Amino acid sequence: MARTKEFDRDEAVRRAMQVFWEQGYEATSTDDLLRAMGIGRQSMYDTFGDKHGLYLEALRAYQAEYSANLVECLRSHPSPLGAIREYLLSIPNGTQKVRARGCLFVNATAELAHVDAEVATLLKTGGALGQGALERVVKDAQRKGELNPRVDPGVAASFLLATIGGLRLSAKAGTPPDALRDVVDFAMAGLRAQ
């Protein structure tokens, strides 16, 4: 008779996600993951296949969490541009520990997307979700008269995604929060000027 799993799969993935996020894929050992998840080696292999399978699961969990946080932030503000600004400011206004981790998707893009087709596909899907959410808020800003109706929502969303990625990477590199806030101000001014 097969043994039932004696751990919370979602919690194990969340813990692995934190390790990958802080250390990167290559620098993370199987032992690091086992310690963080509190499970045995065989349980990890039986459940996730291997380290790469677990990494893909961690990226999917991050995507779900990130997408939910982005959508929540964009919906929680009465002003679409205010929502965008609030989201952008959440990066420099985060704790030093959060800023130092950067963005798991940006980290994965830099480390693996160019050599791992599965990671690249997952990141592309995540980017499309972010693009769609940002396009919707840009269109909402246009409907409410906050943005010029001639602004291409797709281009504006791409600009915002690039800004988010750049802010997260700069934060990880140690750029001071005040400098990051200046970038947010500049990005918002550029968006409004169109």
C-alpha atoms as a PDB file:
ATOM      1  CA  MET A   1       0.000   0.000   0.000  1.00  0.00           C
ATOM      2  CA  ALA A   2       1.377   3.413  -0.984  1.00  0.00           C
ATOM      3  CA  ARG A   3       2.071   5.906   1.787  1.00  0.00           C
ATOM      4  CA  THR A   4       0.168   9.151   1.723  1.00  0.00           C
ATOM      5  CA  LYS A   5       2.117  12.369   1.564  1.00  0.00           C
ATOM      6  CA  GLU A   6       2.712  13.772   5.012  1.00  0.00           C
ATOM      7  CA  PHE A   7       3.264  17.402   4.056  1.00  0.00           C
ATOM      8  CA  ASP A   8       1.340  20.341   2.657  1.00  0.00           C
ATOM      9  CA  ARG A   9       2.304  20.479  -1.026  1.00  0.00           C
ATOM     10  CA  ASP A  10       1.384  24.159  -1.463  1.00  0.00           C
ATOM     11  CA  GLU A  11       3.368  25.157   1.613  1.00  0.00           C
ATOM     12  CA  ALA A  12       6.363  23.147   0.385  1.00  0.00           C
ATOM     13  CA  VAL A  13       6.202  24.954  -2.965  1.00  0.00           C
ATOM     14  CA  ARG A  14       5.964  28.344  -1.207  1.00  0.00           C
ATOM     15  CA  ARG A  15       9.036  27.529   0.870  1.00  0.00           C
ATOM     16  CA  ALA A  16      10.962  26.355  -2.183  1.00  0.00           C
ATOM     17  CA  MET A  17       9.898  29.507  -4.002  1.00  0.00           C
ATOM     18  CA  GLN A  18      11.474  31.620  -1.248  1.00  0.00           C
ATOM     19  CA  VAL A  19      14.771  29.728  -1.544  1.00  0.00           C
ATOM     20  CA  PHE A  20      14.881  30.011  -5.344  1.00  0.00           C
ATOM     21  CA  TRP A  21      13.922  33.684  -5.085  1.00  0.00           C
ATOM     22  CA  GLU A  22      16.722  34.481  -2.656  1.00  0.00           C
ATOM     23  CA  GLN A  23      19.460  32.260  -4.104  1.00  0.00           C
ATOM     24  CA  GLY A  24      18.577  31.665  -7.748  1.00  0.00           C
ATOM     25  CA  TYR A  25      18.150  28.323  -9.458  1.00  0.00           C
ATOM     26  CA  GLU A  26      21.772  27.314  -9.967  1.00  0.00           C
ATOM     27  CA  ALA A  27      22.933  28.351  -6.490  1.00  0.00           C
ATOM     28  CA  THR A  28      20.135  26.407  -4.801  1.00  0.00           C
ATOM     29  CA  SER A  29      21.041  22.855  -3.853  1.00  0.00           C
ATOM     30  CA  THR A  30      18.607  20.017  -3.350  1.00  0.00           C
ATOM     31  CA  ASP A  31      19.633  19.996   0.314  1.00  0.00           C
ATOM     32  CA  ASP A  32      18.716  23.708   0.595  1.00  0.00           C
ATOM     33  CA  LEU A  33      15.273  22.887  -0.741  1.00  0.00           C
ATOM     34  CA  LEU A  34      14.759  19.851   1.480  1.00  0.00           C
ATOM     35  CA  ARG A  35      15.701  21.867   4.587  1.00  0.00           C
ATOM     36  CA  ALA A  36      13.381  24.720   3.636  1.00  0.00           C
ATOM     37  CA  MET A  37      10.453  22.453   2.778  1.00  0.00           C
ATOM     38  CA  GLY A  38      10.980  20.125   5.717  1.00  0.00           C
ATOM     39  CA  ILE A  39      10.547  16.997   3.588  1.00  0.00           C
ATOM     40  CA  GLY A  40      12.676  14.045   2.632  1.00  0.00           C
ATOM     41  CA  ARG A  41      14.529  13.584  -0.637  1.00  0.00           C
ATOM     42  CA  GLN A  42      12.266  10.791  -1.863  1.00  0.00           C
ATOM     43  CA  SER A  43       9.140  12.840  -1.102  1.00  0.00           C
ATOM     44  CA  MET A  44      10.536  15.688  -3.188  1.00  0.00           C
ATOM     45  CA  TYR A  45      11.328  13.422  -6.126  1.00  0.00           C
ATOM     46  CA  ASP A  46       8.010  11.565  -5.876  1.00  0.00           C
ATOM     47  CA  THR A  47       6.048  14.815  -5.755  1.00  0.00           C
ATOM     48  CA  PHE A  48       7.948  17.173  -8.064  1.00  0.00           C
ATOM     49  CA  GLY A  49      10.122  14.892 -10.184  1.00  0.00           C
ATOM     50  CA  ASP A  50      13.325  16.824  -9.675  1.00  0.00           C
ATOM     51  CA  LYS A  51      14.727  20.244  -8.795  1.00  0.00           C
ATOM     52  CA  HIS A  52      13.705  21.635 -12.191  1.00  0.00           C
ATOM     53  CA  GLY A  53      10.125  20.411 -11.783  1.00  0.00           C
ATOM     54  CA  LEU A  54       9.980  22.042  -8.363  1.00  0.00           C
ATOM     55  CA  TYR A  55      11.393  25.269  -9.830  1.00  0.00           C
ATOM     56  CA  LEU A  56       8.641  25.347 -12.456  1.00  0.00           C
ATOM     57  CA  GLU A  57       6.058  24.794  -9.696  1.00  0.00           C
ATOM     58  CA  ALA A  58       7.617  27.649  -7.708  1.00  0.00           C
ATOM     59  CA  LEU A  59       7.441  29.943 -10.754  1.00  0.00           C
ATOM     60  CA  ARG A  60       3.765  29.035 -11.261  1.00  0.00           C
ATOM     61  CA  ALA A  61       3.045  29.776  -7.589  1.00  0.00           C
ATOM     62  CA  TYR A  62       4.854  33.116  -7.876  1.00  0.00           C
ATOM     63  CA  GLN A  63       2.906  33.924 -11.035  1.00  0.00           C
ATOM     64  CA  ALA A  64      -0.403  33.253  -9.305  1.00  0.00           C
ATOM     65  CA  GLU A  65       0.582  35.305  -6.256  1.00  0.00           C
ATOM     66  CA  TYR A  66       2.084  38.174  -8.288  1.00  0.00           C
ATOM     67  CA  SER A  67      -0.898  38.326 -10.638  1.00  0.00           C
ATOM     68  CA  ALA A  68      -3.345  38.388  -7.729  1.00  0.00           C
ATOM     69  CA  ASN A  69      -1.372  41.158  -5.988  1.00  0.00           C
ATOM     70  CA  LEU A  70      -1.141  43.211  -9.187  1.00  0.00           C
ATOM     71  CA  VAL A  71      -4.845  42.885  -9.942  1.00  0.00           C
ATOM     72  CA  GLU A  72      -5.778  43.649  -6.314  1.00  0.00           C
ATOM     73  CA  CYS A  73      -3.650  46.790  -6.296  1.00  0.00           C
ATOM     74  CA  LEU A  74      -4.958  47.968  -9.675  1.00  0.00           C
ATOM     75  CA  ARG A  75      -8.578  47.474  -8.571  1.00  0.00           C
ATOM     76  CA  SER A  76      -8.223  48.946  -5.081  1.00  0.00           C
ATOM     77  CA  HIS A  77      -7.749  52.561  -6.107  1.00  0.00           C
ATOM     78  CA  PRO A  78     -10.511  54.831  -7.441  1.00  0.00           C
ATOM     79  CA  SER A  79      -8.062  56.378  -9.927  1.00  0.00           C
ATOM     80  CA  PRO A  80      -6.494  54.062 -12.512  1.00  0.00           C
ATOM     81  CA  LEU A  81      -3.355  56.219 -12.675  1.00  0.00           C
ATOM     82  CA  GLY A  82      -3.319  56.357  -8.885  1.00  0.00           C
ATOM     83  CA  ALA A  83      -3.418  52.550  -8.843  1.00  0.00           C
ATOM     84  CA  ILE A  84      -0.493  52.326 -11.260  1.00  0.00           C
ATOM     85  CA  ARG A  85       1.500  54.831  -9.208  1.00  0.00           C
ATOM     86  CA  GLU A  86       0.697  52.981  -5.967  1.00  0.00           C
ATOM     87  CA  TYR A  87       1.853  49.699  -7.467  1.00  0.00           C
ATOM     88  CA  LEU A  88       5.085  51.209  -8.785  1.00  0.00           C
ATOM     89  CA  LEU A  89       5.762  52.856  -5.417  1.00  0.00           C
ATOM     90  CA  SER A  90       5.306  49.524  -3.650  1.00  0.00           C
ATOM     91  CA  ILE A  91       8.724  48.585  -5.017  1.00  0.00           C
ATOM     92  CA  PRO A  92      10.845  51.351  -3.413  1.00  0.00           C
ATOM     93  CA  ASN A  93       8.547  51.424  -0.384  1.00  0.00           C
ATOM     94  CA  GLY A  94       9.090  47.727   0.349  1.00  0.00           C
ATOM     95  CA  THR A  95      11.432  46.590   3.077  1.00  0.00           C
ATOM     96  CA  GLN A  96      15.150  46.329   2.352  1.00  0.00           C
ATOM     97  CA  LYS A  97      14.861  42.530   2.431  1.00  0.00           C
ATOM     98  CA  VAL A  98      12.061  42.551  -0.143  1.00  0.00           C
ATOM     99  CA  ARG A  99      13.933  45.013  -2.384  1.00  0.00           C
ATOM    100  CA  ALA A 100      17.105  42.888  -2.167  1.00  0.00           C
ATOM    101  CA  ARG A 101      15.284  39.791  -3.503  1.00  0.00           C
ATOM    102  CA  GLY A 102      14.115  41.573  -6.620  1.00  0.00           C
ATOM    103  CA  CYS A 103      11.452  39.834  -8.686  1.00  0.00           C
ATOM    104  CA  LEU A 104      11.517  36.073  -9.129  1.00  0.00           C
ATOM    105  CA  PHE A 105      10.417  36.450 -12.764  1.00  0.00           C
ATOM    106  CA  VAL A 106      13.130  39.025 -13.502  1.00  0.00           C
ATOM    107  CA  ASN A 107      15.672  36.798 -11.745  1.00  0.00           C
ATOM    108  CA  ALA A 108      14.518  33.756 -13.751  1.00  0.00           C
ATOM    109  CA  THR A 109      14.624  35.757 -16.977  1.00  0.00           C
ATOM    110  CA  ALA A 110      18.228  36.767 -16.377  1.00  0.00           C
ATOM    111  CA  GLU A 111      19.364  33.357 -15.165  1.00  0.00           C
ATOM    112  CA  LEU A 112      17.498  30.789 -17.254  1.00  0.00           C
ATOM    113  CA  ALA A 113      15.094  32.092 -19.906  1.00  0.00           C
ATOM    114  CA  HIS A 114      17.774  32.100 -22.597  1.00  0.00           C
ATOM    115  CA  VAL A 115      18.712  28.450 -21.983  1.00  0.00           C
ATOM    116  CA  ASP A 116      15.532  26.806 -20.656  1.00  0.00           C
ATOM    117  CA  ALA A 117      12.519  26.680 -22.981  1.00  0.00           C
ATOM    118  CA  GLU A 118      10.101  25.629 -20.221  1.00  0.00           C
ATOM    119  CA  VAL A 119      11.105  28.572 -18.045  1.00  0.00           C
ATOM    120  CA  ALA A 120      10.943  30.936 -21.026  1.00  0.00           C
ATOM    121  CA  THR A 121       7.417  29.748 -21.885  1.00  0.00           C
ATOM    122  CA  LEU A 122       6.226  30.130 -18.310  1.00  0.00           C
ATOM    123  CA  LEU A 123       7.713  33.644 -18.102  1.00  0.00           C
ATOM    124  CA  LYS A 124       6.093  34.593 -21.414  1.00  0.00           C
ATOM    125  CA  THR A 125       2.706  33.459 -20.083  1.00  0.00           C
ATOM    126  CA  GLY A 126       3.229  35.436 -16.885  1.00  0.00           C
ATOM    127  CA  GLY A 127       4.248  38.493 -18.867  1.00  0.00           C
ATOM    128  CA  ALA A 128       1.107  38.224 -20.984  1.00  0.00           C
ATOM    129  CA  LEU A 129      -1.045  38.145 -17.834  1.00  0.00           C
ATOM    130  CA  GLY A 130       0.678  41.261 -16.490  1.00  0.00           C
ATOM    131  CA  GLN A 131       0.401  42.941 -19.879  1.00  0.00           C
ATOM    132  CA  GLY A 132      -3.324  42.225 -19.994  1.00  0.00           C
ATOM    133  CA  ALA A 133      -3.948  43.579 -16.491  1.00  0.00           C
ATOM    134  CA  LEU A 134      -2.010  46.750 -17.235  1.00  0.00           C
ATOM    135  CA  GLU A 135      -3.727  47.244 -20.593  1.00  0.00           C
ATOM    136  CA  ARG A 136      -7.100  47.075 -18.853  1.00  0.00           C
ATOM    137  CA  VAL A 137      -6.116  49.723 -16.310  1.00  0.00           C
ATOM    138  CA  VAL A 138      -4.693  51.975 -19.063  1.00  0.00           C
ATOM    139  CA  LYS A 139      -7.981  51.691 -20.983  1.00  0.00           C
ATOM    140  CA  ASP A 140      -9.842  52.494 -17.772  1.00  0.00           C
ATOM    141  CA  ALA A 141      -7.652  55.576 -17.294  1.00  0.00           C
ATOM    142  CA  GLN A 142      -8.508  56.636 -20.835  1.00  0.00           C
ATOM    143  CA  ARG A 143     -12.250  56.174 -20.222  1.00  0.00           C
ATOM    144  CA  LYS A 144     -11.987  58.286 -17.059  1.00  0.00           C
ATOM    145  CA  GLY A 145     -10.063  61.047 -18.841  1.00  0.00           C
ATOM    146  CA  GLU A 146      -6.802  60.447 -16.943  1.00  0.00           C
ATOM    147  CA  LEU A 147      -4.856  59.474 -20.059  1.00  0.00           C
ATOM    148  CA  ASN A 148      -4.902  60.683 -23.628  1.00  0.00           C
ATOM    149  CA  PRO A 149      -7.193  58.417 -25.666  1.00  0.00           C
ATOM    150  CA  ARG A 150      -4.540  58.303 -28.417  1.00  0.00           C
ATOM    151  CA  VAL A 151      -2.124  56.434 -26.141  1.00  0.00           C
ATOM    152  CA  ASP A 152      -1.771  52.859 -27.361  1.00  0.00           C
ATOM    153  CA  PRO A 153      -2.776  50.715 -24.344  1.00  0.00           C
ATOM    154  CA  GLY A 154      -0.498  47.862 -25.437  1.00  0.00           C
ATOM    155  CA  VAL A 155       2.534  50.116 -25.717  1.00  0.00           C
ATOM    156  CA  ALA A 156       1.724  51.793 -22.397  1.00  0.00           C
ATOM    157  CA  ALA A 157       1.354  48.388 -20.710  1.00  0.00           C
ATOM    158  CA  SER A 158       4.681  47.235 -22.176  1.00  0.00           C
ATOM    159  CA  PHE A 159       6.302  50.434 -20.901  1.00  0.00           C
ATOM    160  CA  LEU A 160       4.880  49.794 -17.436  1.00  0.00           C
ATOM    161  CA  LEU A 161       6.032  46.158 -17.402  1.00  0.00           C
ATOM    162  CA  ALA A 162       9.527  47.271 -18.400  1.00  0.00           C
ATOM    163  CA  THR A 163       9.419  49.940 -15.686  1.00  0.00           C
ATOM    164  CA  ILE A 164       8.348  47.394 -13.064  1.00  0.00           C
ATOM    165  CA  GLY A 165      11.113  45.005 -14.098  1.00  0.00           C
ATOM    166  CA  GLY A 166      13.694  47.787 -14.141  1.00  0.00           C
ATOM    167  CA  LEU A 167      12.624  49.048 -10.729  1.00  0.00           C
ATOM    168  CA  ARG A 168      12.825  45.550  -9.232  1.00  0.00           C
ATOM    169  CA  LEU A 169      16.230  44.878 -10.763  1.00  0.00           C
ATOM    170  CA  SER A 170      17.531  48.281  -9.639  1.00  0.00           C
ATOM    171  CA  ALA A 171      16.153  47.685  -6.147  1.00  0.00           C
ATOM    172  CA  LYS A 172      17.905  44.307  -6.029  1.00  0.00           C
ATOM    173  CA  ALA A 173      21.146  45.999  -7.100  1.00  0.00           C
ATOM    174  CA  GLY A 174      20.869  48.361  -4.142  1.00  0.00           C
ATOM    175  CA  THR A 175      19.588  51.553  -5.738  1.00  0.00           C
ATOM    176  CA  PRO A 176      18.355  53.766  -2.882  1.00  0.00           C
ATOM    177  CA  PRO A 177      14.560  53.972  -2.439  1.00  0.00           C
ATOM    178  CA  ASP A 178      14.530  57.749  -3.045  1.00  0.00           C
ATOM    179  CA  ALA A 179      16.170  57.248  -6.444  1.00  0.00           C
ATOM    180  CA  LEU A 180      13.608  54.557  -7.278  1.00  0.00           C
ATOM    181  CA  ARG A 181      10.787  56.922  -6.286  1.00  0.00           C
ATOM    182  CA  ASP A 182      12.246  59.510  -8.680  1.00  0.00           C
ATOM    183  CA  VAL A 183      12.044  56.890 -11.441  1.00  0.00           C
ATOM    184  CA  VAL A 184       8.389  56.275 -10.568  1.00  0.00           C
ATOM    185  CA  ASP A 185       7.680  60.014 -10.765  1.00  0.00           C
ATOM    186  CA  PHE A 186       9.451  60.227 -14.119  1.00  0.00           C
ATOM    187  CA  ALA A 187       7.582  57.198 -15.498  1.00  0.00           C
ATOM    188  CA  MET A 188       4.213  58.588 -14.390  1.00  0.00           C
ATOM    189  CA  ALA A 189       5.023  62.003 -15.902  1.00  0.00           C
ATOM    190  CA  GLY A 190       5.995  60.314 -19.154  1.00  0.00           C
ATOM    191  CA  LEU A 191       2.782  58.314 -19.212  1.00  0.00           C
ATOM    192  CA  ARG A 192       0.659  61.419 -18.633  1.00  0.00           C
ATOM    193  CA  ALA A 193       2.556  63.473 -21.234  1.00  0.00           C
ATOM    194  CA  GLN A 194       1.586  61.210 -24.094  1.00  0.00           C
END
